[in-house]
Amino acid sequence: MRDEKLLAYSLSHDADVWRWSVYDEDGVTVADGAHDTQAAAQAAVDNTLRSAGSDFLTA
């Protein structure tokens, strides 16, 4: 049995912001947000994945 969670994330540009979401294995959104720059959005994703302490998959 596996103890760690597998997570996926998406990152997209929408109008004037970069939107991001992190999903669990069932496709449920566990975190999301929007930032002015791609770098800030990616950093938020990285922080979310790190704080989850989990292995992850990228979408």
N, C-alpha and C. Protein backbone atom coordinates (compact mmCIF):
# COMPACT_ATOMS: atom_id res chain seq x y z
N MET A 1 0.83 -1.18 0.00
CA MET A 1 0.00 0.00 0.00
C MET A 1 0.88 1.25 0.00
N ARG A 2 0.47 2.23 -0.75
CA ARG A 2 1.25 3.45 -0.91
C ARG A 2 0.81 4.49 0.13
N ASP A 3 1.77 5.10 0.83
CA ASP A 3 1.45 6.12 1.84
C ASP A 3 1.42 7.52 1.25
N GLU A 4 2.29 7.80 0.26
CA GLU A 4 2.37 9.15 -0.27
C GLU A 4 1.23 9.41 -1.25
N LYS A 5 0.87 10.67 -1.36
CA LYS A 5 -0.15 11.09 -2.31
C LYS A 5 0.52 11.48 -3.61
N LEU A 6 -0.14 11.19 -4.71
CA LEU A 6 0.33 11.66 -5.99
C LEU A 6 -0.51 12.87 -6.37
N LEU A 7 0.15 13.95 -6.72
CA LEU A 7 -0.52 15.18 -7.08
C LEU A 7 -0.14 15.60 -8.49
N ALA A 8 -1.03 16.30 -9.14
CA ALA A 8 -0.77 16.87 -10.47
C ALA A 8 -1.07 18.36 -10.39
N TYR A 9 -0.51 19.12 -11.33
CA TYR A 9 -0.83 20.54 -11.34
C TYR A 9 -1.00 21.04 -12.76
N SER A 10 -1.72 22.15 -12.87
CA SER A 10 -1.85 22.84 -14.15
C SER A 10 -1.46 24.30 -13.94
N LEU A 11 -0.94 24.88 -15.00
CA LEU A 11 -0.50 26.27 -14.99
C LEU A 11 -0.90 26.86 -16.34
N SER A 12 -1.67 27.94 -16.33
CA SER A 12 -2.12 28.52 -17.60
C SER A 12 -2.22 30.03 -17.51
N HIS A 13 -2.10 30.67 -18.67
CA HIS A 13 -2.21 32.12 -18.74
C HIS A 13 -3.64 32.45 -19.12
N ASP A 14 -4.28 33.33 -18.34
CA ASP A 14 -5.67 33.70 -18.55
C ASP A 14 -5.79 35.21 -18.44
N ALA A 15 -6.06 35.86 -19.53
CA ALA A 15 -6.15 37.32 -19.57
C ALA A 15 -4.83 37.92 -19.07
N ASP A 16 -4.84 38.55 -17.93
CA ASP A 16 -3.65 39.22 -17.42
C ASP A 16 -2.97 38.50 -16.28
N VAL A 17 -3.41 37.27 -15.96
CA VAL A 17 -2.85 36.55 -14.81
C VAL A 17 -2.48 35.11 -15.21
N TRP A 18 -1.61 34.53 -14.41
CA TRP A 18 -1.26 33.12 -14.52
C TRP A 18 -2.06 32.37 -13.45
N ARG A 19 -2.88 31.41 -13.87
CA ARG A 19 -3.69 30.62 -12.96
C ARG A 19 -3.03 29.25 -12.76
N TRP A 20 -3.15 28.74 -11.55
CA TRP A 20 -2.59 27.43 -11.25
C TRP A 20 -3.55 26.65 -10.37
N SER A 21 -3.49 25.34 -10.48
CA SER A 21 -4.28 24.45 -9.64
C SER A 21 -3.46 23.21 -9.35
N VAL A 22 -3.67 22.65 -8.17
CA VAL A 22 -3.05 21.38 -7.79
C VAL A 22 -4.21 20.42 -7.52
N TYR A 23 -4.10 19.20 -8.08
CA TYR A 23 -5.16 18.20 -8.00
C TYR A 23 -4.65 16.93 -7.34
N ASP A 24 -5.56 16.24 -6.66
CA ASP A 24 -5.20 14.93 -6.11
C ASP A 24 -5.48 13.85 -7.15
N GLU A 25 -5.24 12.60 -6.78
CA GLU A 25 -5.40 11.48 -7.71
C GLU A 25 -6.82 11.32 -8.24
N ASP A 26 -7.79 11.82 -7.49
CA ASP A 26 -9.19 11.72 -7.91
C ASP A 26 -9.63 12.91 -8.75
N GLY A 27 -8.71 13.83 -9.02
CA GLY A 27 -9.02 15.01 -9.81
C GLY A 27 -9.64 16.13 -9.01
N VAL A 28 -9.62 16.02 -7.70
CA VAL A 28 -10.17 17.06 -6.83
C VAL A 28 -9.13 18.16 -6.64
N THR A 29 -9.53 19.40 -6.81
CA THR A 29 -8.63 20.53 -6.61
C THR A 29 -8.32 20.67 -5.13
N VAL A 30 -7.03 20.62 -4.81
CA VAL A 30 -6.61 20.76 -3.41
C VAL A 30 -6.06 22.16 -3.11
N ALA A 31 -5.69 22.91 -4.16
CA ALA A 31 -5.22 24.29 -4.00
C ALA A 31 -5.25 24.95 -5.37
N ASP A 32 -5.44 26.27 -5.37
CA ASP A 32 -5.38 27.02 -6.63
C ASP A 32 -5.14 28.49 -6.34
N GLY A 33 -4.84 29.22 -7.39
CA GLY A 33 -4.59 30.65 -7.22
C GLY A 33 -4.29 31.31 -8.54
N ALA A 34 -3.99 32.60 -8.48
CA ALA A 34 -3.64 33.38 -9.66
C ALA A 34 -2.56 34.40 -9.26
N HIS A 35 -1.61 34.61 -10.17
CA HIS A 35 -0.50 35.54 -9.92
C HIS A 35 -0.20 36.33 -11.18
N ASP A 36 0.44 37.46 -11.01
CA ASP A 36 0.77 38.34 -12.15
C ASP A 36 1.81 37.75 -13.08
N THR A 37 2.72 36.93 -12.55
CA THR A 37 3.79 36.39 -13.39
C THR A 37 3.80 34.86 -13.35
N GLN A 38 4.34 34.29 -14.40
CA GLN A 38 4.47 32.84 -14.46
C GLN A 38 5.38 32.33 -13.34
N ALA A 39 6.44 33.06 -13.08
CA ALA A 39 7.39 32.65 -12.03
C ALA A 39 6.70 32.60 -10.66
N ALA A 40 5.87 33.58 -10.37
CA ALA A 40 5.17 33.61 -9.08
C ALA A 40 4.17 32.47 -8.99
N ALA A 41 3.48 32.18 -10.09
CA ALA A 41 2.52 31.08 -10.10
C ALA A 41 3.24 29.74 -9.92
N GLN A 42 4.37 29.56 -10.60
CA GLN A 42 5.14 28.32 -10.46
C GLN A 42 5.66 28.17 -9.04
N ALA A 43 6.11 29.27 -8.45
CA ALA A 43 6.59 29.23 -7.06
C ALA A 43 5.47 28.82 -6.12
N ALA A 44 4.26 29.31 -6.35
CA ALA A 44 3.12 28.92 -5.52
C ALA A 44 2.82 27.44 -5.65
N VAL A 45 2.90 26.91 -6.88
CA VAL A 45 2.71 25.48 -7.10
C VAL A 45 3.79 24.70 -6.35
N ASP A 46 5.04 25.11 -6.51
CA ASP A 46 6.15 24.43 -5.85
C ASP A 46 5.98 24.43 -4.33
N ASN A 47 5.58 25.57 -3.78
CA ASN A 47 5.36 25.65 -2.33
C ASN A 47 4.23 24.74 -1.89
N THR A 48 3.17 24.68 -2.68
CA THR A 48 2.04 23.81 -2.34
C THR A 48 2.47 22.35 -2.35
N LEU A 49 3.21 21.95 -3.36
CA LEU A 49 3.68 20.57 -3.45
C LEU A 49 4.64 20.24 -2.31
N ARG A 50 5.53 21.17 -2.01
CA ARG A 50 6.48 20.98 -0.91
C ARG A 50 5.76 20.85 0.43
N SER A 51 4.78 21.71 0.66
CA SER A 51 4.07 21.68 1.93
C SER A 51 3.23 20.43 2.07
N ALA A 52 2.82 19.84 0.95
CA ALA A 52 2.08 18.58 0.99
C ALA A 52 3.01 17.43 1.36
N GLY A 53 4.32 17.64 1.15
CA GLY A 53 5.30 16.61 1.47
C GLY A 53 5.08 15.34 0.66
N SER A 54 4.61 15.51 -0.56
CA SER A 54 4.22 14.36 -1.37
C SER A 54 5.01 14.27 -2.65
N ASP A 55 5.03 13.08 -3.21
CA ASP A 55 5.51 12.92 -4.57
C ASP A 55 4.44 13.51 -5.46
N PHE A 56 4.82 13.91 -6.67
CA PHE A 56 3.80 14.48 -7.53
C PHE A 56 4.07 14.14 -8.99
N LEU A 57 3.02 14.24 -9.76
CA LEU A 57 3.08 14.10 -11.21
C LEU A 57 2.76 15.46 -11.80
N THR A 58 3.32 15.77 -12.95
CA THR A 58 2.98 17.03 -13.59
C THR A 58 2.03 16.77 -14.73
N ALA A 59 1.10 17.65 -14.90
CA ALA A 59 0.10 17.52 -15.97
C ALA A 59 0.45 18.45 -17.10
